Amino acid sequence: MSRNFPPRTELFPSRVVTVVQNNTSILYGDRLLFKMYRKLDEGVNPEAEILQFLGGKNRFRNVPVYAGKIEYRPTSGKVYDIGVLQSYIACHGDAWGNTLSSLTQFIEYLLSNRQDLPKLPSSLPTLLEVVENGIPEQFHELVRGLHLEMALLLGRRTAEMHRALASGSTDSSWSMEEFSTLYQRSLFQSMRAQVRKTFQALAKTVPGLPAPVQKRAERILEAENEIISCLKKITGRRFAAMKCRIHGDFHLGQALFTGKDFVFIDFEGEPAHSLSERRLKRSPLRDVISMIHSIHYATMTTLAHHSTGHPDDTALLETWLEAWYVYVSGSYLKAYLHTMKNSPLVPANRKELEVMLRSYLIQRVVHELGHELNNRTDQIDPHLRGLEMLLREFRSSPITKKNIEPEAEISNL
């Protein structure tokens, strides 16, 4: 700790950070940040222990340096983590802001050159097809390459984080755990229950939605059994995958851009879950899917923002922004899988990987849809669009009506 935080003879000036957060953060000079949790739960908050673990043996340097924490220990013997002290990360904003800026520039280019745009394919590739076949040169030129390079870097760093989180082979708290058919059935049952609960809430909301959103919602509700059938693909035989500790609340806003690299923050996990749930080992693909969903949400947010004032542009932009999402997310996934190559955490079998990715993506989108139904019904359309895309992929997938073939493996990484 002394290497990172040398002794000082004077006090750090302090101020409360004014950005909107789930917690209260106090900045000490330009060196330290104390995050105080507003909601206290009994048990160990995963943030401090993950930062400590990743910092040990230089397992992964792209996180804040752990500097200490404050605990509350009442006479009952229970433990409550009040907050964690960590290094302050100077940055050029987060990946969410950078993505929105790139999307805005992309829209400006499209509208300025709408007569000269190349023709998009009649059907866009899946994310794994982008991994295997790459990105058309004409699209690469339209995106100007910069955000694709950032997506590749983000994918590499995500994989390095997961490899580091699974590197504690001698400590059962950090070692990998195998999937099992029982665990896979449990996953399916949880996902199915989440779909049914969310769709019940969606059905009650439909009458009050704007006409275009109402039609989309009705189409999604009609596909409930089809979505559950898609999720059921994760059961049957045991997938060759492993579980480890993960970030748990991973999205573009959790990746700070320093100008040269990404630093990941906020390892406390999903605030809606209990501390014990947040510390469970899960597939690292859940983090990957959360990031991919965040990229999709950024594209749909940008589309909605522009369409509000320029509805005549919607048809053109909708098609191109969907392509932007597919190719940028595919680049992120390609870099991730390349860096995770030969890791037992991720299945080498291509079709097992496809089933896991799609299942976790449905789960994530449905989770976010449920959250918005409870809080902001005017924000549900991006998630409905996401489910529509997944349904199109599922309907065209060769594994929809076939069993998983054990010999097929992901290639061209």
Protein backbone atom coordinates (compact mmCIF):
# COMPACT_ATOMS: atom_id res chain seq x y z
CA MET A 1 0.00 0.00 0.00
CA SER A 2 2.86 2.40 0.70
CA ARG A 3 4.03 2.01 -2.90
CA ASN A 4 0.74 3.41 -4.17
CA PHE A 5 -0.08 5.84 -1.38
CA PRO A 6 3.08 7.40 0.15
CA PRO A 7 2.73 9.13 3.54
CA ARG A 8 1.68 12.79 3.54
CA THR A 9 2.35 15.49 6.11
CA GLU A 10 -0.77 17.50 5.21
CA LEU A 11 -4.42 16.52 4.93
CA PHE A 12 -6.07 15.81 1.62
CA PRO A 13 -8.70 18.42 0.69
CA SER A 14 -12.04 16.62 0.47
CA ARG A 15 -15.30 17.16 -1.38
CA VAL A 16 -18.45 15.17 -2.07
CA VAL A 17 -18.73 14.01 -5.67
CA THR A 18 -21.90 15.50 -7.17
CA VAL A 19 -22.59 12.99 -9.97
CA VAL A 20 -25.72 10.86 -9.63
CA GLN A 21 -24.82 7.53 -8.03
CA ASN A 22 -26.40 4.83 -5.89
CA ASN A 23 -23.87 5.68 -3.18
CA THR A 24 -22.15 8.72 -1.71
CA SER A 25 -18.58 9.30 -2.85
CA ILE A 26 -16.03 11.58 -1.21
CA LEU A 27 -12.96 12.62 -3.18
CA TYR A 28 -9.72 13.31 -1.27
CA GLY A 29 -7.52 15.54 -3.39
CA ASP A 30 -6.88 13.81 -6.69
CA ARG A 31 -5.65 10.59 -5.10
CA LEU A 32 -8.34 8.79 -3.12
CA LEU A 33 -12.05 8.12 -3.34
CA PHE A 34 -14.19 6.88 -0.46
CA LYS A 35 -17.45 5.24 -1.51
CA MET A 36 -20.01 5.11 1.28
CA TYR A 37 -22.86 2.67 0.75
CA ARG A 38 -26.29 4.17 1.32
CA LYS A 39 -27.92 0.79 1.88
CA LEU A 40 -26.26 -1.36 4.53
CA ASP A 41 -26.71 -5.13 4.47
CA GLU A 42 -25.28 -7.71 6.77
CA GLY A 43 -22.26 -9.44 5.31
CA VAL A 44 -19.24 -8.73 3.14
CA ASN A 45 -19.69 -6.33 0.25
CA PRO A 46 -17.95 -7.92 -2.77
CA GLU A 47 -16.32 -4.67 -3.91
CA ALA A 48 -13.56 -4.51 -1.29
CA GLU A 49 -12.68 -8.20 -1.51
CA ILE A 50 -12.58 -8.19 -5.31
CA LEU A 51 -10.35 -5.10 -5.43
CA GLN A 52 -8.06 -6.69 -2.85
CA PHE A 53 -7.92 -9.97 -4.76
CA LEU A 54 -7.29 -8.40 -8.17
CA GLY A 55 -4.62 -6.13 -6.71
CA GLY A 56 -2.80 -9.05 -5.10
CA LYS A 57 0.05 -10.50 -7.20
CA ASN A 58 -0.80 -7.88 -9.84
CA ARG A 59 -3.55 -10.15 -11.12
CA PHE A 60 -5.35 -7.33 -12.95
CA ARG A 61 -4.22 -3.71 -12.91
CA ASN A 62 -7.19 -2.10 -14.69
CA VAL A 63 -9.14 -1.47 -11.50
CA PRO A 64 -8.82 1.09 -8.69
CA VAL A 65 -6.21 0.26 -6.04
CA TYR A 66 -7.74 -0.91 -2.77
CA ALA A 67 -6.76 1.30 0.19
CA GLY A 68 -9.03 0.12 2.99
CA LYS A 69 -12.61 -0.06 4.18
CA ILE A 70 -14.81 0.82 7.14
CA GLU A 71 -16.84 -1.89 8.86
CA TYR A 72 -19.54 -1.67 11.48
CA ARG A 73 -19.48 -4.53 14.02
CA PRO A 74 -22.32 -4.33 16.58
CA THR A 75 -22.31 -6.44 19.74
CA SER A 76 -24.48 -9.01 17.96
CA GLY A 77 -21.37 -10.09 16.07
CA LYS A 78 -22.77 -9.20 12.66
CA VAL A 79 -20.62 -7.30 10.15
CA TYR A 80 -21.74 -4.44 7.91
CA ASP A 81 -19.48 -2.87 5.29
CA ILE A 82 -20.00 0.89 5.38
CA GLY A 83 -17.69 1.90 2.57
CA VAL A 84 -14.45 1.29 0.70
CA LEU A 85 -11.44 3.57 0.12
CA GLN A 86 -9.74 3.25 -3.25
CA SER A 87 -7.54 5.17 -5.65
CA TYR A 88 -9.19 7.89 -7.70
CA ILE A 89 -9.13 7.28 -11.45
CA ALA A 90 -8.58 10.38 -13.60
CA CYS A 91 -10.31 9.73 -16.91
CA HIS A 92 -11.85 11.12 -20.08
CA GLY A 93 -15.34 9.97 -19.16
CA ASP A 94 -16.78 6.48 -19.29
CA ALA A 95 -17.50 4.13 -22.17
CA TRP A 96 -21.20 5.07 -22.07
CA GLY A 97 -20.49 8.73 -22.83
CA ASN A 98 -17.91 7.83 -25.45
CA THR A 99 -20.34 5.44 -27.13
CA LEU A 100 -23.09 8.06 -27.27
CA SER A 101 -20.62 10.53 -28.83
CA SER A 102 -19.59 7.97 -31.44
CA LEU A 103 -23.22 7.20 -32.24
CA THR A 104 -24.03 10.89 -32.64
CA GLN A 105 -21.14 11.28 -35.08
CA PHE A 106 -22.29 8.16 -36.92
CA ILE A 107 -25.81 9.58 -37.31
CA GLU A 108 -24.45 12.89 -38.58
CA TYR A 109 -22.40 11.05 -41.19
CA LEU A 110 -25.35 8.92 -42.29
CA LEU A 111 -27.64 11.90 -42.72
CA SER A 112 -25.01 13.93 -44.57
CA ASN A 113 -24.24 11.09 -46.98
CA ARG A 114 -27.56 9.30 -47.23
CA GLN A 115 -27.42 9.22 -51.05
CA ASP A 116 -24.04 7.50 -51.12
CA LEU A 117 -24.45 4.89 -48.39
CA PRO A 118 -23.58 1.29 -49.29
CA LYS A 119 -26.29 -1.33 -49.25
CA LEU A 120 -26.71 -3.32 -46.07
CA PRO A 121 -27.24 -7.09 -46.29
CA SER A 122 -30.87 -8.24 -46.33
CA SER A 123 -30.33 -9.88 -42.95
CA LEU A 124 -27.65 -8.90 -40.48
CA PRO A 125 -25.24 -11.51 -39.13
CA THR A 126 -25.44 -12.83 -35.60
CA LEU A 127 -22.79 -11.78 -33.10
CA LEU A 128 -20.97 -15.11 -33.48
CA GLU A 129 -21.03 -14.75 -37.26
CA VAL A 130 -19.29 -11.38 -36.83
CA VAL A 131 -16.75 -13.14 -34.60
CA GLU A 132 -16.08 -15.74 -37.29
CA ASN A 133 -16.34 -13.67 -40.46
CA GLY A 134 -15.30 -10.17 -39.40
CA ILE A 135 -16.75 -6.82 -40.43
CA PRO A 136 -17.32 -5.68 -44.03
CA GLU A 137 -14.69 -3.15 -45.04
CA GLN A 138 -17.33 -0.65 -46.14
CA PHE A 139 -18.91 -0.66 -42.69
CA HIS A 140 -15.52 -0.41 -41.02
CA GLU A 141 -14.93 2.78 -43.00
CA LEU A 142 -18.33 4.21 -42.02
CA VAL A 143 -17.62 3.74 -38.31
CA ARG A 144 -14.20 5.27 -38.98
CA GLY A 145 -12.53 2.42 -37.10
CA LEU A 146 -12.08 4.29 -33.80
CA HIS A 147 -15.01 2.85 -31.90
CA LEU A 148 -14.32 -0.61 -33.25
CA GLU A 149 -10.81 -0.38 -31.81
CA MET A 150 -12.25 0.71 -28.46
CA ALA A 151 -14.68 -2.23 -28.56
CA LEU A 152 -11.78 -4.62 -29.19
CA LEU A 153 -9.82 -3.15 -26.29
CA LEU A 154 -12.85 -3.36 -24.01
CA GLY A 155 -13.31 -7.02 -24.97
CA ARG A 156 -9.68 -7.86 -24.20
CA ARG A 157 -9.78 -6.16 -20.82
CA THR A 158 -13.06 -7.90 -19.92
CA ALA A 159 -11.49 -11.29 -20.63
CA GLU A 160 -8.35 -10.42 -18.67
CA MET A 161 -10.53 -9.45 -15.70
CA HIS A 162 -12.36 -12.78 -15.82
CA ARG A 163 -9.15 -14.76 -16.13
CA ALA A 164 -7.82 -12.91 -13.10
CA LEU A 165 -11.00 -13.50 -11.08
CA ALA A 166 -10.68 -17.24 -11.77
CA SER A 167 -6.96 -17.43 -10.93
CA GLY A 168 -7.25 -18.31 -7.23
CA SER A 169 -6.92 -22.06 -7.77
CA THR A 170 -5.68 -22.78 -4.22
CA ASP A 171 -8.47 -20.82 -2.53
CA SER A 172 -11.99 -22.23 -2.79
CA SER A 173 -13.41 -18.72 -2.50
CA TRP A 174 -11.89 -17.84 -5.88
CA SER A 175 -11.41 -21.14 -7.71
CA MET A 176 -13.59 -22.05 -10.68
CA GLU A 177 -16.64 -24.28 -10.31
CA GLU A 178 -18.14 -26.57 -12.93
CA PHE A 179 -21.54 -26.21 -14.50
CA SER A 180 -23.85 -29.14 -13.86
CA THR A 181 -27.07 -30.30 -15.46
CA LEU A 182 -28.80 -29.50 -12.17
CA TYR A 183 -27.45 -25.95 -12.26
CA GLN A 184 -28.51 -25.56 -15.89
CA ARG A 185 -32.05 -26.68 -15.05
CA SER A 186 -32.09 -24.23 -12.17
CA LEU A 187 -30.98 -21.46 -14.54
CA PHE A 188 -33.79 -22.30 -16.96
CA GLN A 189 -36.42 -22.36 -14.21
CA SER A 190 -35.26 -18.97 -12.95
CA MET A 191 -35.24 -17.49 -16.46
CA ARG A 192 -38.68 -18.92 -17.24
CA ALA A 193 -40.16 -17.50 -14.05
CA GLN A 194 -38.65 -14.10 -14.83
CA VAL A 195 -40.15 -14.10 -18.34
CA ARG A 196 -43.62 -15.02 -17.10
CA LYS A 197 -43.60 -12.43 -14.32
CA THR A 198 -42.34 -9.67 -16.62
CA PHE A 199 -44.74 -10.53 -19.42
CA GLN A 200 -47.68 -10.44 -17.00
CA ALA A 201 -46.65 -6.89 -16.05
CA LEU A 202 -46.16 -5.99 -19.73
CA ALA A 203 -49.67 -7.23 -20.62
CA LYS A 204 -51.19 -4.92 -18.01
CA THR A 205 -49.24 -1.97 -19.43
CA VAL A 206 -50.06 -2.50 -23.12
CA PRO A 207 -53.35 -0.49 -23.25
CA GLY A 208 -51.59 2.70 -22.15
CA LEU A 209 -48.65 2.51 -24.55
CA PRO A 210 -48.24 4.61 -27.73
CA ALA A 211 -49.53 2.78 -30.81
CA PRO A 212 -46.14 1.71 -32.34
CA VAL A 213 -44.82 0.51 -28.96
CA GLN A 214 -48.13 -1.20 -28.23
CA LYS A 215 -47.90 -3.24 -31.44
CA ARG A 216 -44.34 -4.25 -30.66
CA ALA A 217 -45.32 -5.26 -27.13
CA GLU A 218 -48.20 -7.36 -28.45
CA ARG A 219 -45.87 -9.18 -30.83
CA ILE A 220 -43.48 -9.92 -27.97
CA LEU A 221 -46.30 -11.17 -25.74
CA GLU A 222 -47.46 -13.52 -28.50
CA ALA A 223 -43.94 -14.97 -28.62
CA GLU A 224 -43.75 -15.82 -24.89
CA ASN A 225 -43.78 -19.60 -25.42
CA GLU A 226 -41.23 -19.26 -28.22
CA ILE A 227 -38.91 -17.29 -25.94
CA ILE A 228 -39.25 -19.91 -23.21
CA SER A 229 -38.52 -22.62 -25.78
CA CYS A 230 -35.36 -20.74 -26.71
CA LEU A 231 -34.31 -20.58 -23.05
CA LYS A 232 -34.93 -24.31 -22.58
CA LYS A 233 -32.02 -25.01 -24.94
CA ILE A 234 -29.74 -24.42 -21.96
CA THR A 235 -30.94 -27.68 -20.36
CA GLY A 236 -30.44 -31.28 -21.38
CA ARG A 237 -26.76 -32.13 -21.45
CA ARG A 238 -24.00 -30.53 -19.39
CA PHE A 239 -22.25 -27.65 -21.13
CA ALA A 240 -18.45 -27.55 -21.04
CA ALA A 241 -18.26 -24.27 -19.12
CA MET A 242 -17.18 -23.07 -15.70
CA LYS A 243 -18.28 -20.50 -13.13
CA CYS A 244 -16.20 -17.92 -11.30
CA ARG A 245 -16.61 -14.66 -9.42
CA ILE A 246 -17.75 -11.93 -11.80
CA HIS A 247 -18.30 -8.17 -11.79
CA GLY A 248 -22.05 -8.62 -11.53
CA ASP A 249 -23.21 -5.17 -12.66
CA PHE A 250 -21.16 -4.70 -15.82
CA HIS A 251 -22.07 -2.05 -18.38
CA LEU A 252 -20.57 0.83 -20.35
CA GLY A 253 -20.85 3.18 -17.39
CA GLN A 254 -18.55 0.94 -15.33
CA ALA A 255 -15.65 1.30 -17.79
CA LEU A 256 -13.68 4.53 -17.38
CA PHE A 257 -11.54 5.59 -20.33
CA THR A 258 -8.19 7.06 -19.34
CA GLY A 259 -7.30 8.14 -22.86
CA LYS A 260 -5.29 4.99 -23.52
CA ASP A 261 -7.05 2.22 -21.64
CA PHE A 262 -10.14 1.16 -19.69
CA VAL A 263 -10.40 0.89 -15.91
CA PHE A 264 -13.33 -1.04 -14.45
CA ILE A 265 -15.12 0.26 -11.35
CA ASP A 266 -18.06 -0.48 -9.02
CA PHE A 267 -17.60 -4.14 -8.13
CA GLU A 268 -20.35 -4.16 -5.52
CA GLY A 269 -22.68 -6.13 -7.81
CA GLU A 270 -26.36 -5.73 -8.66
CA PRO A 271 -27.83 -3.48 -5.91
CA ALA A 272 -31.20 -5.27 -6.02
CA HIS A 273 -29.58 -8.57 -4.98
CA SER A 274 -28.50 -9.58 -1.47
CA LEU A 275 -24.79 -9.52 -0.64
CA SER A 276 -24.69 -13.31 -0.54
CA GLU A 277 -26.24 -13.50 -4.04
CA ARG A 278 -23.72 -11.00 -5.39
CA ARG A 279 -20.82 -13.16 -4.21
CA LEU A 280 -22.01 -16.32 -5.97
CA LYS A 281 -19.93 -17.73 -8.80
CA ARG A 282 -21.60 -17.44 -12.19
CA SER A 283 -20.70 -17.72 -15.84
CA PRO A 284 -18.50 -14.78 -16.89
CA LEU A 285 -20.67 -14.61 -20.01
CA ARG A 286 -23.23 -12.84 -17.83
CA ASP A 287 -20.86 -9.86 -17.62
CA VAL A 288 -20.20 -10.07 -21.36
CA ILE A 289 -23.91 -10.06 -22.13
CA SER A 290 -24.53 -7.16 -19.77
CA MET A 291 -21.96 -5.13 -21.70
CA ILE A 292 -23.44 -6.14 -25.06
CA HIS A 293 -26.90 -5.19 -23.85
CA SER A 294 -25.51 -1.84 -22.74
CA ILE A 295 -24.18 -1.26 -26.26
CA HIS A 296 -27.61 -2.08 -27.70
CA TYR A 297 -29.31 0.23 -25.20
CA ALA A 298 -26.97 3.05 -26.22
CA THR A 299 -27.94 2.64 -29.89
CA MET A 300 -31.67 2.57 -29.11
CA THR A 301 -31.36 5.56 -26.76
CA THR A 302 -29.61 7.51 -29.52
CA LEU A 303 -32.29 6.51 -32.04
CA ALA A 304 -35.12 7.55 -29.71
CA HIS A 305 -33.45 10.88 -28.91
CA HIS A 306 -32.96 11.77 -32.58
CA SER A 307 -36.34 10.47 -33.75
CA THR A 308 -38.20 12.66 -31.27
CA GLY A 309 -37.30 15.76 -33.26
CA HIS A 310 -36.75 14.16 -36.68
CA PRO A 311 -39.29 11.33 -37.17
CA ASP A 312 -38.68 11.19 -40.93
CA ASP A 313 -35.14 9.92 -40.30
CA THR A 314 -36.26 6.97 -38.18
CA ALA A 315 -36.56 4.34 -40.93
CA LEU A 316 -33.05 4.99 -42.25
CA LEU A 317 -31.40 5.28 -38.86
CA GLU A 318 -33.12 2.26 -37.34
CA THR A 319 -31.56 -0.07 -39.92
CA TRP A 320 -28.09 1.42 -39.70
CA LEU A 321 -28.01 1.67 -35.91
CA GLU A 322 -29.00 -1.97 -35.65
CA ALA A 323 -26.05 -2.78 -37.91
CA TRP A 324 -23.80 -0.58 -35.77
CA TYR A 325 -24.83 -2.52 -32.68
CA VAL A 326 -24.23 -5.91 -34.32
CA TYR A 327 -20.78 -5.06 -35.67
CA VAL A 328 -19.51 -3.17 -32.62
CA SER A 329 -20.83 -5.82 -30.20
CA GLY A 330 -19.44 -8.54 -32.46
CA SER A 331 -16.02 -6.86 -32.31
CA TYR A 332 -16.22 -6.72 -28.52
CA LEU A 333 -17.17 -10.40 -28.37
CA LYS A 334 -14.46 -11.39 -30.85
CA ALA A 335 -11.72 -9.79 -28.75
CA TYR A 336 -13.18 -11.34 -25.60
CA LEU A 337 -13.31 -14.87 -27.02
CA HIS A 338 -9.83 -14.56 -28.53
CA THR A 339 -8.39 -13.56 -25.16
CA MET A 340 -10.35 -16.33 -23.40
CA LYS A 341 -9.22 -18.97 -25.90
CA ASN A 342 -8.48 -22.31 -24.20
CA SER A 343 -10.03 -21.10 -20.93
CA PRO A 344 -12.45 -23.64 -19.42
CA LEU A 345 -14.69 -20.75 -18.39
CA VAL A 346 -16.15 -20.47 -21.90
CA PRO A 347 -17.38 -23.42 -23.97
CA ALA A 348 -15.30 -24.21 -27.04
CA ASN A 349 -18.33 -25.80 -28.67
CA ARG A 350 -19.83 -23.16 -30.94
CA LYS A 351 -23.44 -24.19 -30.45
CA GLU A 352 -23.16 -24.42 -26.68
CA LEU A 353 -21.67 -20.94 -26.74
CA GLU A 354 -24.50 -19.66 -28.92
CA VAL A 355 -27.14 -21.10 -26.59
CA MET A 356 -25.49 -19.58 -23.51
CA LEU A 357 -25.05 -16.17 -25.11
CA ARG A 358 -28.64 -16.02 -26.34
CA SER A 359 -30.09 -17.31 -23.06
CA TYR A 360 -28.17 -14.81 -20.96
CA LEU A 361 -29.05 -12.00 -23.38
CA ILE A 362 -32.76 -12.81 -23.15
CA GLN A 363 -32.44 -12.93 -19.38
CA ARG A 364 -30.72 -9.53 -19.31
CA VAL A 365 -33.18 -7.83 -21.64
CA VAL A 366 -36.17 -9.24 -19.76
CA HIS A 367 -34.64 -8.12 -16.46
CA GLU A 368 -34.20 -4.57 -17.77
CA LEU A 369 -37.70 -4.61 -19.26
CA GLY A 370 -39.12 -5.57 -15.88
CA HIS A 371 -37.14 -2.80 -14.20
CA GLU A 372 -38.50 -0.18 -16.60
CA LEU A 373 -42.06 -1.49 -16.27
CA ASN A 374 -41.77 -0.85 -12.54
CA ASN A 375 -40.16 2.57 -12.89
CA ARG A 376 -40.38 4.19 -16.36
CA THR A 377 -42.84 2.66 -18.80
CA ASP A 378 -41.86 5.29 -21.38
CA GLN A 379 -38.43 3.62 -21.58
CA ILE A 380 -39.46 0.04 -22.40
CA ASP A 381 -39.24 0.28 -26.21
CA PRO A 382 -35.45 -0.30 -26.49
CA HIS A 383 -35.86 -3.57 -24.59
CA LEU A 384 -38.81 -4.65 -26.73
CA ARG A 385 -36.66 -3.98 -29.82
CA GLY A 386 -33.90 -6.06 -28.27
CA LEU A 387 -36.25 -9.01 -27.78
CA GLU A 388 -37.42 -8.68 -31.39
CA MET A 389 -33.82 -8.95 -32.61
CA LEU A 390 -33.23 -12.03 -30.47
CA LEU A 391 -36.39 -13.67 -31.80
CA ARG A 392 -35.28 -13.08 -35.38
CA GLU A 393 -31.92 -14.67 -34.61
CA PHE A 394 -33.53 -17.63 -32.85
CA ARG A 395 -35.95 -18.27 -35.72
CA SER A 396 -33.14 -18.31 -38.27
CA SER A 397 -30.69 -20.30 -36.15
CA PRO A 398 -29.81 -23.84 -37.28
CA ILE A 399 -29.95 -25.02 -33.65
CA THR A 400 -33.58 -24.00 -33.19
CA LYS A 401 -34.81 -27.44 -34.26
CA LYS A 402 -31.63 -29.44 -33.91
CA ASN A 403 -29.62 -30.93 -31.10
CA ILE A 404 -26.25 -29.47 -30.17
CA GLU A 405 -23.43 -31.16 -32.05
CA PRO A 406 -20.44 -31.82 -29.78
CA GLU A 407 -17.84 -31.64 -32.53
CA ALA A 408 -18.62 -28.06 -33.68
CA GLU A 409 -16.21 -25.54 -32.24
CA ILE A 410 -15.82 -21.78 -32.53
CA SER A 411 -13.08 -20.89 -34.98
CA ASN A 412 -11.39 -17.99 -36.79
CA LEU A 413 -10.62 -16.15 -33.57
